[in-house]
Amino acid sequence: MEQFSTRQNKISRLVQREMADILLQFNKSKYQGKLISVTIVRVTKDMGIARIYLSIFPSEFATEILSEIELNGKFLRGELGRRIGKSVRIIPELEFYIDDSLDYIDHIDDLLHK
């Protein structure tokens, strides 16, 4: 498993906290009744890229919502920059992924109960 530095972990937590808040504001106006959670943020060693994993409920809207978030990536990065700009030298590029681990757990659970 990849080892992360203390700095990477701090930046990851900072990005996770702020991005969750940004997406909460974004979600209020766009996706009423849908839940978007930032589950994991992984920052590269050079702090240039933040890989953001999102859990979206209900999951049948996941690809649609992810596409919308990716289209608004520049806005989201700008908003992130306004919030964490004084804490970091470089605002990382944002890459969004769907975290489907909860769906996987449900699937395994269903298989075990059969």
N, C-alpha and C. Protein backbone atom coordinates (compact mmCIF):
# COMPACT_ATOMS: atom_id res chain seq x y z
N MET A 1 0.84 -1.18 0.00
CA MET A 1 0.00 0.00 0.00
C MET A 1 0.88 1.24 0.00
N GLU A 2 0.43 2.26 -0.68
CA GLU A 2 1.21 3.48 -0.82
C GLU A 2 1.28 4.23 0.51
N GLN A 3 2.48 4.73 0.83
CA GLN A 3 2.70 5.47 2.06
C GLN A 3 2.50 6.97 1.80
N PHE A 4 1.74 7.64 2.66
CA PHE A 4 1.49 9.06 2.49
C PHE A 4 2.21 9.85 3.56
N SER A 5 2.75 11.00 3.18
CA SER A 5 3.45 11.85 4.14
C SER A 5 2.44 12.56 5.04
N THR A 6 2.94 13.09 6.14
CA THR A 6 2.09 13.84 7.07
C THR A 6 1.47 15.03 6.34
N ARG A 7 2.26 15.70 5.52
CA ARG A 7 1.75 16.86 4.77
C ARG A 7 0.63 16.45 3.82
N GLN A 8 0.82 15.34 3.10
CA GLN A 8 -0.23 14.85 2.20
C GLN A 8 -1.51 14.56 2.97
N ASN A 9 -1.38 13.95 4.13
CA ASN A 9 -2.56 13.63 4.94
C ASN A 9 -3.27 14.90 5.40
N LYS A 10 -2.50 15.91 5.82
CA LYS A 10 -3.10 17.17 6.26
C LYS A 10 -3.84 17.86 5.12
N ILE A 11 -3.19 17.92 3.96
CA ILE A 11 -3.82 18.56 2.79
C ILE A 11 -5.05 17.77 2.37
N SER A 12 -4.98 16.44 2.40
CA SER A 12 -6.12 15.60 2.04
C SER A 12 -7.32 15.88 2.94
N ARG A 13 -7.06 15.95 4.25
CA ARG A 13 -8.16 16.24 5.19
C ARG A 13 -8.73 17.63 4.97
N LEU A 14 -7.86 18.61 4.71
CA LEU A 14 -8.31 19.98 4.46
C LEU A 14 -9.18 20.04 3.21
N VAL A 15 -8.70 19.42 2.13
CA VAL A 15 -9.47 19.40 0.87
C VAL A 15 -10.78 18.66 1.07
N GLN A 16 -10.76 17.55 1.80
CA GLN A 16 -11.98 16.77 2.04
C GLN A 16 -13.02 17.60 2.78
N ARG A 17 -12.60 18.28 3.84
CA ARG A 17 -13.52 19.08 4.64
C ARG A 17 -14.11 20.23 3.82
N GLU A 18 -13.25 20.95 3.11
CA GLU A 18 -13.72 22.11 2.34
C GLU A 18 -14.57 21.67 1.14
N MET A 19 -14.15 20.60 0.46
CA MET A 19 -14.91 20.14 -0.71
C MET A 19 -16.28 19.62 -0.29
N ALA A 20 -16.37 18.98 0.86
CA ALA A 20 -17.67 18.53 1.36
C ALA A 20 -18.59 19.73 1.57
N ASP A 21 -18.05 20.80 2.12
CA ASP A 21 -18.85 22.01 2.34
C ASP A 21 -19.25 22.66 1.01
N ILE A 22 -18.31 22.73 0.08
CA ILE A 22 -18.59 23.31 -1.24
C ILE A 22 -19.68 22.51 -1.95
N LEU A 23 -19.56 21.18 -1.93
CA LEU A 23 -20.55 20.33 -2.60
C LEU A 23 -21.90 20.40 -1.91
N LEU A 24 -21.91 20.65 -0.61
CA LEU A 24 -23.17 20.82 0.10
C LEU A 24 -23.90 22.05 -0.44
N GLN A 25 -23.18 23.15 -0.63
CA GLN A 25 -23.78 24.36 -1.20
C GLN A 25 -24.23 24.10 -2.65
N PHE A 26 -23.38 23.43 -3.41
CA PHE A 26 -23.66 23.08 -4.81
C PHE A 26 -24.89 22.18 -4.88
N ASN A 27 -24.99 21.23 -3.95
CA ASN A 27 -26.06 20.26 -3.92
C ASN A 27 -27.41 20.91 -3.61
N LYS A 28 -27.41 21.89 -2.73
CA LYS A 28 -28.66 22.56 -2.34
C LYS A 28 -29.37 23.15 -3.54
N SER A 29 -28.59 23.76 -4.43
CA SER A 29 -29.21 24.43 -5.57
C SER A 29 -29.53 23.48 -6.73
N LYS A 30 -28.78 22.40 -6.85
CA LYS A 30 -28.93 21.55 -8.04
C LYS A 30 -29.68 20.24 -7.79
N TYR A 31 -29.35 19.55 -6.71
CA TYR A 31 -29.85 18.19 -6.53
C TYR A 31 -30.58 18.03 -5.21
N GLN A 32 -31.76 18.57 -5.15
CA GLN A 32 -32.57 18.45 -3.94
C GLN A 32 -32.91 16.98 -3.70
N GLY A 33 -32.73 16.52 -2.47
CA GLY A 33 -33.10 15.15 -2.12
C GLY A 33 -32.07 14.10 -2.45
N LYS A 34 -30.89 14.52 -2.91
CA LYS A 34 -29.81 13.57 -3.21
C LYS A 34 -28.66 13.86 -2.27
N LEU A 35 -27.97 12.81 -1.86
CA LEU A 35 -26.89 12.95 -0.89
C LEU A 35 -25.55 12.73 -1.57
N ILE A 36 -24.67 13.71 -1.45
CA ILE A 36 -23.31 13.61 -2.01
C ILE A 36 -22.34 13.73 -0.85
N SER A 37 -21.53 12.69 -0.64
CA SER A 37 -20.55 12.69 0.45
C SER A 37 -19.15 12.55 -0.13
N VAL A 38 -18.20 13.28 0.43
CA VAL A 38 -16.80 13.13 0.05
C VAL A 38 -16.22 12.08 1.00
N THR A 39 -15.96 10.87 0.46
CA THR A 39 -15.51 9.77 1.31
C THR A 39 -14.01 9.77 1.53
N ILE A 40 -13.24 9.98 0.45
CA ILE A 40 -11.78 9.93 0.54
C ILE A 40 -11.21 11.00 -0.38
N VAL A 41 -10.13 11.62 0.05
CA VAL A 41 -9.35 12.49 -0.84
C VAL A 41 -7.91 12.01 -0.77
N ARG A 42 -7.32 11.77 -1.93
CA ARG A 42 -5.91 11.37 -2.00
C ARG A 42 -5.17 12.43 -2.80
N VAL A 43 -4.13 12.98 -2.22
CA VAL A 43 -3.33 14.02 -2.86
C VAL A 43 -2.01 13.40 -3.31
N THR A 44 -1.58 13.74 -4.53
CA THR A 44 -0.30 13.22 -5.03
C THR A 44 0.85 13.83 -4.24
N LYS A 45 2.04 13.21 -4.34
CA LYS A 45 3.22 13.66 -3.59
C LYS A 45 3.55 15.14 -3.85
N ASP A 46 3.40 15.58 -5.10
CA ASP A 46 3.72 16.98 -5.44
C ASP A 46 2.56 17.94 -5.15
N MET A 47 1.48 17.43 -4.57
CA MET A 47 0.29 18.21 -4.20
C MET A 47 -0.40 18.82 -5.43
N GLY A 48 -0.11 18.29 -6.60
CA GLY A 48 -0.66 18.84 -7.84
C GLY A 48 -2.03 18.31 -8.20
N ILE A 49 -2.37 17.12 -7.73
CA ILE A 49 -3.66 16.51 -8.07
C ILE A 49 -4.33 15.99 -6.80
N ALA A 50 -5.60 16.30 -6.65
CA ALA A 50 -6.40 15.74 -5.56
C ALA A 50 -7.44 14.82 -6.18
N ARG A 51 -7.38 13.55 -5.83
CA ARG A 51 -8.38 12.58 -6.31
C ARG A 51 -9.47 12.50 -5.26
N ILE A 52 -10.66 12.91 -5.65
CA ILE A 52 -11.76 13.03 -4.71
C ILE A 52 -12.78 11.93 -5.01
N TYR A 53 -13.04 11.09 -4.00
CA TYR A 53 -13.99 9.99 -4.15
C TYR A 53 -15.31 10.40 -3.50
N LEU A 54 -16.38 10.27 -4.30
CA LEU A 54 -17.71 10.70 -3.86
C LEU A 54 -18.64 9.52 -3.72
N SER A 55 -19.41 9.53 -2.66
CA SER A 55 -20.48 8.56 -2.48
C SER A 55 -21.78 9.31 -2.76
N ILE A 56 -22.54 8.81 -3.71
CA ILE A 56 -23.76 9.49 -4.14
C ILE A 56 -24.95 8.58 -3.90
N PHE A 57 -25.95 9.10 -3.20
CA PHE A 57 -27.15 8.33 -2.89
C PHE A 57 -28.36 9.12 -3.33
N PRO A 58 -29.33 8.53 -4.00
CA PRO A 58 -29.37 7.16 -4.49
C PRO A 58 -28.39 6.95 -5.65
N SER A 59 -27.80 5.76 -5.69
CA SER A 59 -26.69 5.49 -6.60
C SER A 59 -27.07 5.49 -8.08
N GLU A 60 -28.37 5.38 -8.41
CA GLU A 60 -28.73 5.39 -9.83
C GLU A 60 -28.50 6.76 -10.47
N PHE A 61 -28.32 7.80 -9.66
CA PHE A 61 -28.04 9.14 -10.19
C PHE A 61 -26.55 9.46 -10.19
N ALA A 62 -25.72 8.50 -9.78
CA ALA A 62 -24.29 8.75 -9.56
C ALA A 62 -23.58 9.26 -10.82
N THR A 63 -23.75 8.59 -11.96
CA THR A 63 -23.01 9.01 -13.16
C THR A 63 -23.48 10.38 -13.65
N GLU A 64 -24.77 10.64 -13.55
CA GLU A 64 -25.31 11.94 -13.96
C GLU A 64 -24.75 13.06 -13.08
N ILE A 65 -24.75 12.86 -11.78
CA ILE A 65 -24.26 13.87 -10.85
C ILE A 65 -22.75 14.04 -10.99
N LEU A 66 -22.02 12.93 -11.16
CA LEU A 66 -20.57 13.01 -11.35
C LEU A 66 -20.24 13.81 -12.60
N SER A 67 -20.97 13.60 -13.68
CA SER A 67 -20.74 14.36 -14.92
C SER A 67 -20.96 15.85 -14.69
N GLU A 68 -22.02 16.19 -13.98
CA GLU A 68 -22.32 17.60 -13.66
C GLU A 68 -21.20 18.21 -12.81
N ILE A 69 -20.71 17.46 -11.84
CA ILE A 69 -19.63 17.95 -10.98
C ILE A 69 -18.35 18.16 -11.80
N GLU A 70 -18.06 17.22 -12.71
CA GLU A 70 -16.86 17.35 -13.55
C GLU A 70 -16.97 18.56 -14.47
N LEU A 71 -18.18 18.83 -15.00
CA LEU A 71 -18.37 20.01 -15.84
C LEU A 71 -18.13 21.30 -15.07
N ASN A 72 -18.41 21.28 -13.79
CA ASN A 72 -18.22 22.46 -12.93
C ASN A 72 -16.88 22.41 -12.19
N GLY A 73 -15.95 21.60 -12.67
CA GLY A 73 -14.67 21.41 -12.00
C GLY A 73 -13.87 22.69 -11.81
N LYS A 74 -13.87 23.56 -12.83
CA LYS A 74 -13.12 24.82 -12.72
C LYS A 74 -13.71 25.72 -11.64
N PHE A 75 -15.03 25.79 -11.59
CA PHE A 75 -15.69 26.57 -10.54
C PHE A 75 -15.37 26.01 -9.16
N LEU A 76 -15.45 24.67 -9.03
CA LEU A 76 -15.20 24.02 -7.74
C LEU A 76 -13.76 24.24 -7.29
N ARG A 77 -12.81 24.16 -8.24
CA ARG A 77 -11.39 24.39 -7.91
C ARG A 77 -11.18 25.85 -7.49
N GLY A 78 -11.84 26.77 -8.18
CA GLY A 78 -11.75 28.18 -7.81
C GLY A 78 -12.28 28.44 -6.41
N GLU A 79 -13.41 27.82 -6.11
CA GLU A 79 -14.00 27.97 -4.78
C GLU A 79 -13.07 27.35 -3.72
N LEU A 80 -12.50 26.20 -4.03
CA LEU A 80 -11.55 25.56 -3.12
C LEU A 80 -10.34 26.48 -2.91
N GLY A 81 -9.86 27.09 -3.98
CA GLY A 81 -8.72 28.02 -3.89
C GLY A 81 -9.01 29.20 -2.99
N ARG A 82 -10.23 29.74 -3.07
CA ARG A 82 -10.59 30.86 -2.20
C ARG A 82 -10.58 30.44 -0.73
N ARG A 83 -10.91 29.18 -0.47
CA ARG A 83 -11.00 28.72 0.92
C ARG A 83 -9.67 28.28 1.50
N ILE A 84 -8.83 27.62 0.70
CA ILE A 84 -7.58 27.06 1.25
C ILE A 84 -6.33 27.74 0.71
N GLY A 85 -6.50 28.79 -0.07
CA GLY A 85 -5.37 29.46 -0.73
C GLY A 85 -4.28 29.93 0.22
N LYS A 86 -4.66 30.30 1.43
CA LYS A 86 -3.66 30.77 2.39
C LYS A 86 -2.94 29.62 3.09
N SER A 87 -3.47 28.41 2.97
CA SER A 87 -2.87 27.25 3.64
C SER A 87 -1.94 26.44 2.74
N VAL A 88 -2.10 26.56 1.43
CA VAL A 88 -1.29 25.77 0.49
C VAL A 88 -0.71 26.69 -0.59
N ARG A 89 0.43 26.26 -1.14
CA ARG A 89 1.05 27.05 -2.21
C ARG A 89 0.37 26.80 -3.55
N ILE A 90 0.00 25.55 -3.79
CA ILE A 90 -0.60 25.16 -5.07
C ILE A 90 -2.00 24.62 -4.80
N ILE A 91 -2.97 25.13 -5.54
CA ILE A 91 -4.32 24.55 -5.46
C ILE A 91 -4.32 23.35 -6.39
N PRO A 92 -4.56 22.16 -5.87
CA PRO A 92 -4.46 20.96 -6.73
C PRO A 92 -5.55 20.90 -7.79
N GLU A 93 -5.21 20.28 -8.91
CA GLU A 93 -6.22 19.94 -9.92
C GLU A 93 -7.15 18.91 -9.27
N LEU A 94 -8.41 18.95 -9.63
CA LEU A 94 -9.38 18.05 -9.02
C LEU A 94 -9.78 16.95 -9.98
N GLU A 95 -9.73 15.72 -9.51
CA GLU A 95 -10.23 14.57 -10.26
C GLU A 95 -11.29 13.91 -9.40
N PHE A 96 -12.46 13.67 -9.99
CA PHE A 96 -13.57 13.11 -9.23
C PHE A 96 -13.84 11.68 -9.65
N TYR A 97 -14.10 10.83 -8.67
CA TYR A 97 -14.41 9.42 -8.90
C TYR A 97 -15.61 9.04 -8.04
N ILE A 98 -16.32 8.01 -8.46
CA ILE A 98 -17.42 7.49 -7.66
C ILE A 98 -16.87 6.43 -6.73
N ASP A 99 -17.16 6.58 -5.45
CA ASP A 99 -16.79 5.58 -4.45
C ASP A 99 -17.98 4.63 -4.32
N ASP A 100 -17.86 3.47 -4.93
CA ASP A 100 -18.98 2.52 -4.93
C ASP A 100 -18.80 1.43 -3.88
N SER A 101 -18.00 1.70 -2.86
CA SER A 101 -17.74 0.67 -1.84
C SER A 101 -19.01 0.30 -1.07
N LEU A 102 -19.92 1.27 -0.85
CA LEU A 102 -21.17 0.93 -0.15
C LEU A 102 -22.05 0.01 -0.99
N ASP A 103 -22.09 0.25 -2.32
CA ASP A 103 -22.83 -0.65 -3.21
C ASP A 103 -22.22 -2.05 -3.19
N TYR A 104 -20.89 -2.10 -3.17
CA TYR A 104 -20.19 -3.37 -3.13
C TYR A 104 -20.51 -4.12 -1.83
N ILE A 105 -20.52 -3.40 -0.71
CA ILE A 105 -20.85 -4.01 0.59
C ILE A 105 -22.28 -4.54 0.57
N ASP A 106 -23.21 -3.76 0.02
CA ASP A 106 -24.61 -4.21 -0.09
C ASP A 106 -24.71 -5.48 -0.94
N HIS A 107 -23.96 -5.51 -2.04
CA HIS A 107 -23.96 -6.67 -2.93
C HIS A 107 -23.47 -7.91 -2.20
N ILE A 108 -22.36 -7.78 -1.48
CA ILE A 108 -21.79 -8.90 -0.72
C ILE A 108 -22.78 -9.34 0.35
N ASP A 109 -23.39 -8.36 1.02
CA ASP A 109 -24.38 -8.66 2.06
C ASP A 109 -25.55 -9.45 1.49
N ASP A 110 -26.05 -9.04 0.32
CA ASP A 110 -27.14 -9.76 -0.35
C ASP A 110 -26.73 -11.20 -0.68
N LEU A 111 -25.51 -11.36 -1.18
CA LEU A 111 -25.03 -12.70 -1.52
C LEU A 111 -24.93 -13.58 -0.28
N LEU A 112 -24.51 -13.01 0.83
CA LEU A 112 -24.38 -13.79 2.06
C LEU A 112 -25.73 -14.20 2.63
N HIS A 113 -26.75 -13.39 2.38
CA HIS A 113 -28.08 -13.70 2.92
C HIS A 113 -28.89 -14.66 2.03
N LYS A 114 -28.34 -15.00 0.87
CA LYS A 114 -29.06 -15.92 -0.02
C LYS A 114 -28.77 -17.36 0.34
